[in-house]
N, C-alpha and C. Protein backbone atom coordinates (compact mmCIF):
# COMPACT_ATOMS: atom_id res chain seq x y z
N MET A 1 -8.93 -22.52 -15.45
CA MET A 1 -9.27 -21.96 -14.16
C MET A 1 -10.73 -21.51 -14.14
N MET A 2 -11.18 -20.89 -15.21
CA MET A 2 -12.56 -20.38 -15.22
C MET A 2 -13.58 -21.51 -15.21
N LEU A 3 -13.20 -22.68 -15.75
CA LEU A 3 -14.11 -23.81 -15.70
C LEU A 3 -14.32 -24.26 -14.25
N GLY A 4 -13.24 -24.30 -13.49
CA GLY A 4 -13.36 -24.66 -12.08
C GLY A 4 -14.13 -23.62 -11.30
N LEU A 5 -13.89 -22.34 -11.58
CA LEU A 5 -14.61 -21.27 -10.90
C LEU A 5 -16.09 -21.31 -11.25
N GLY A 6 -16.40 -21.57 -12.50
CA GLY A 6 -17.80 -21.65 -12.91
C GLY A 6 -18.52 -22.82 -12.29
N SER A 7 -17.81 -23.93 -12.09
CA SER A 7 -18.48 -25.08 -11.49
C SER A 7 -18.66 -24.90 -9.99
N ILE A 8 -17.79 -24.11 -9.36
CA ILE A 8 -17.95 -23.85 -7.93
C ILE A 8 -19.06 -22.84 -7.69
N ILE A 9 -19.00 -21.72 -8.38
CA ILE A 9 -19.96 -20.64 -8.15
C ILE A 9 -21.28 -20.92 -8.85
N GLY A 10 -21.23 -21.41 -10.07
CA GLY A 10 -22.42 -21.61 -10.87
C GLY A 10 -22.52 -20.51 -11.92
N THR A 11 -23.27 -20.78 -12.95
CA THR A 11 -23.34 -19.82 -14.05
C THR A 11 -24.32 -18.69 -13.78
N GLY A 12 -25.18 -18.84 -12.82
CA GLY A 12 -26.19 -17.81 -12.54
C GLY A 12 -25.58 -16.48 -12.16
N VAL A 13 -24.47 -16.50 -11.44
CA VAL A 13 -23.86 -15.25 -11.01
C VAL A 13 -23.31 -14.49 -12.21
N PHE A 14 -22.81 -15.19 -13.22
CA PHE A 14 -22.29 -14.51 -14.39
C PHE A 14 -23.41 -13.94 -15.25
N VAL A 15 -24.51 -14.66 -15.36
CA VAL A 15 -25.66 -14.16 -16.12
C VAL A 15 -26.28 -12.97 -15.43
N SER A 16 -26.48 -13.06 -14.13
CA SER A 16 -27.11 -11.95 -13.41
C SER A 16 -26.20 -10.74 -13.35
N LEU A 17 -24.89 -10.93 -13.39
CA LEU A 17 -23.97 -9.80 -13.44
C LEU A 17 -24.13 -9.04 -14.75
N GLY A 18 -24.28 -9.76 -15.85
CA GLY A 18 -24.50 -9.10 -17.14
C GLY A 18 -25.81 -8.35 -17.18
N ILE A 19 -26.85 -8.93 -16.63
CA ILE A 19 -28.15 -8.25 -16.59
C ILE A 19 -28.08 -7.02 -15.70
N GLY A 20 -27.41 -7.14 -14.56
CA GLY A 20 -27.28 -6.00 -13.65
C GLY A 20 -26.50 -4.86 -14.26
N ILE A 21 -25.43 -5.17 -14.98
CA ILE A 21 -24.64 -4.12 -15.62
C ILE A 21 -25.44 -3.45 -16.72
N SER A 22 -26.25 -4.21 -17.45
CA SER A 22 -27.05 -3.58 -18.50
C SER A 22 -28.13 -2.68 -17.93
N MET A 23 -28.62 -2.98 -16.71
CA MET A 23 -29.67 -2.16 -16.12
C MET A 23 -29.12 -0.99 -15.30
N ALA A 24 -28.08 -1.23 -14.50
CA ALA A 24 -27.60 -0.20 -13.57
C ALA A 24 -26.28 0.42 -13.98
N GLY A 25 -25.61 -0.17 -14.94
CA GLY A 25 -24.34 0.38 -15.38
C GLY A 25 -23.18 -0.06 -14.50
N PRO A 26 -22.12 0.72 -14.51
CA PRO A 26 -20.90 0.31 -13.79
C PRO A 26 -21.00 0.37 -12.27
N THR A 27 -22.09 0.88 -11.73
CA THR A 27 -22.23 0.91 -10.27
C THR A 27 -22.48 -0.47 -9.68
N VAL A 28 -22.72 -1.46 -10.55
CA VAL A 28 -22.93 -2.82 -10.08
C VAL A 28 -21.62 -3.40 -9.53
N LEU A 29 -20.51 -3.04 -10.12
CA LEU A 29 -19.24 -3.63 -9.70
C LEU A 29 -18.86 -3.29 -8.26
N PRO A 30 -18.99 -2.04 -7.80
CA PRO A 30 -18.74 -1.80 -6.37
C PRO A 30 -19.74 -2.51 -5.46
N ALA A 31 -20.97 -2.67 -5.93
CA ALA A 31 -21.97 -3.39 -5.13
C ALA A 31 -21.59 -4.86 -5.00
N ILE A 32 -21.09 -5.46 -6.07
CA ILE A 32 -20.64 -6.85 -6.02
C ILE A 32 -19.43 -6.98 -5.10
N ALA A 33 -18.52 -5.99 -5.16
CA ALA A 33 -17.35 -6.02 -4.28
C ALA A 33 -17.76 -5.90 -2.82
N LEU A 34 -18.73 -5.04 -2.52
CA LEU A 34 -19.22 -4.90 -1.15
C LEU A 34 -19.88 -6.19 -0.67
N ALA A 35 -20.66 -6.81 -1.53
CA ALA A 35 -21.30 -8.08 -1.16
C ALA A 35 -20.25 -9.17 -0.93
N GLY A 36 -19.19 -9.16 -1.72
CA GLY A 36 -18.10 -10.11 -1.52
C GLY A 36 -17.38 -9.89 -0.21
N LEU A 37 -17.20 -8.63 0.17
CA LEU A 37 -16.56 -8.30 1.45
C LEU A 37 -17.41 -8.79 2.62
N VAL A 38 -18.71 -8.58 2.53
CA VAL A 38 -19.61 -9.04 3.59
C VAL A 38 -19.60 -10.57 3.67
N ALA A 39 -19.60 -11.24 2.51
CA ALA A 39 -19.57 -12.70 2.50
C ALA A 39 -18.25 -13.23 3.06
N MET A 40 -17.14 -12.52 2.76
CA MET A 40 -15.86 -12.93 3.30
C MET A 40 -15.82 -12.79 4.82
N CYS A 41 -16.37 -11.71 5.34
CA CYS A 41 -16.43 -11.53 6.79
C CYS A 41 -17.27 -12.62 7.44
N ASN A 42 -18.38 -12.98 6.81
CA ASN A 42 -19.23 -14.03 7.33
C ASN A 42 -18.50 -15.37 7.34
N GLY A 43 -17.80 -15.68 6.26
CA GLY A 43 -17.06 -16.93 6.18
C GLY A 43 -15.93 -17.01 7.19
N LEU A 44 -15.19 -15.91 7.35
CA LEU A 44 -14.10 -15.91 8.32
C LEU A 44 -14.62 -16.02 9.75
N ASN A 45 -15.76 -15.40 10.01
CA ASN A 45 -16.37 -15.49 11.34
C ASN A 45 -16.80 -16.93 11.64
N SER A 46 -17.41 -17.58 10.66
CA SER A 46 -17.82 -18.97 10.85
C SER A 46 -16.62 -19.89 11.05
N ALA A 47 -15.54 -19.63 10.32
CA ALA A 47 -14.34 -20.44 10.47
C ALA A 47 -13.72 -20.25 11.85
N GLN A 48 -13.72 -19.03 12.35
CA GLN A 48 -13.16 -18.77 13.68
C GLN A 48 -14.01 -19.44 14.76
N LEU A 49 -15.33 -19.39 14.62
CA LEU A 49 -16.20 -20.07 15.58
C LEU A 49 -15.97 -21.58 15.57
N ALA A 50 -15.80 -22.15 14.38
CA ALA A 50 -15.56 -23.59 14.28
C ALA A 50 -14.22 -23.96 14.88
N ALA A 51 -13.23 -23.09 14.75
CA ALA A 51 -11.92 -23.38 15.33
C ALA A 51 -11.95 -23.26 16.85
N ASN A 52 -12.74 -22.34 17.37
CA ASN A 52 -12.80 -22.14 18.82
C ASN A 52 -13.64 -23.20 19.53
N HIS A 53 -14.60 -23.78 18.85
CA HIS A 53 -15.50 -24.76 19.45
C HIS A 53 -15.50 -26.04 18.62
N PRO A 54 -14.45 -26.84 18.71
CA PRO A 54 -14.34 -28.04 17.86
C PRO A 54 -15.14 -29.22 18.40
N VAL A 55 -16.45 -29.16 18.29
CA VAL A 55 -17.31 -30.27 18.69
C VAL A 55 -18.11 -30.72 17.48
N SER A 56 -18.47 -31.99 17.44
CA SER A 56 -19.23 -32.49 16.32
C SER A 56 -20.72 -32.41 16.62
N GLY A 57 -21.51 -32.35 15.56
CA GLY A 57 -22.96 -32.30 15.70
C GLY A 57 -23.48 -30.90 15.81
N GLY A 58 -24.78 -30.78 15.77
CA GLY A 58 -25.40 -29.45 15.86
C GLY A 58 -25.37 -28.72 14.54
N THR A 59 -25.95 -27.56 14.56
CA THR A 59 -25.95 -26.74 13.35
C THR A 59 -25.42 -25.36 13.65
């Protein structure tokens, strides 16, 4: 499972997480969770817009 996750996300996030924890300590984990929550809201919003306006083309 971790091989698939690593190929989707990339290894940079794991390396930067280690560097962040060594510099800022355990406060990095809530920051990562908050960033994940914001990214999830963005993704769900984009999915809802795509479902409401099913047209091809454009950006």
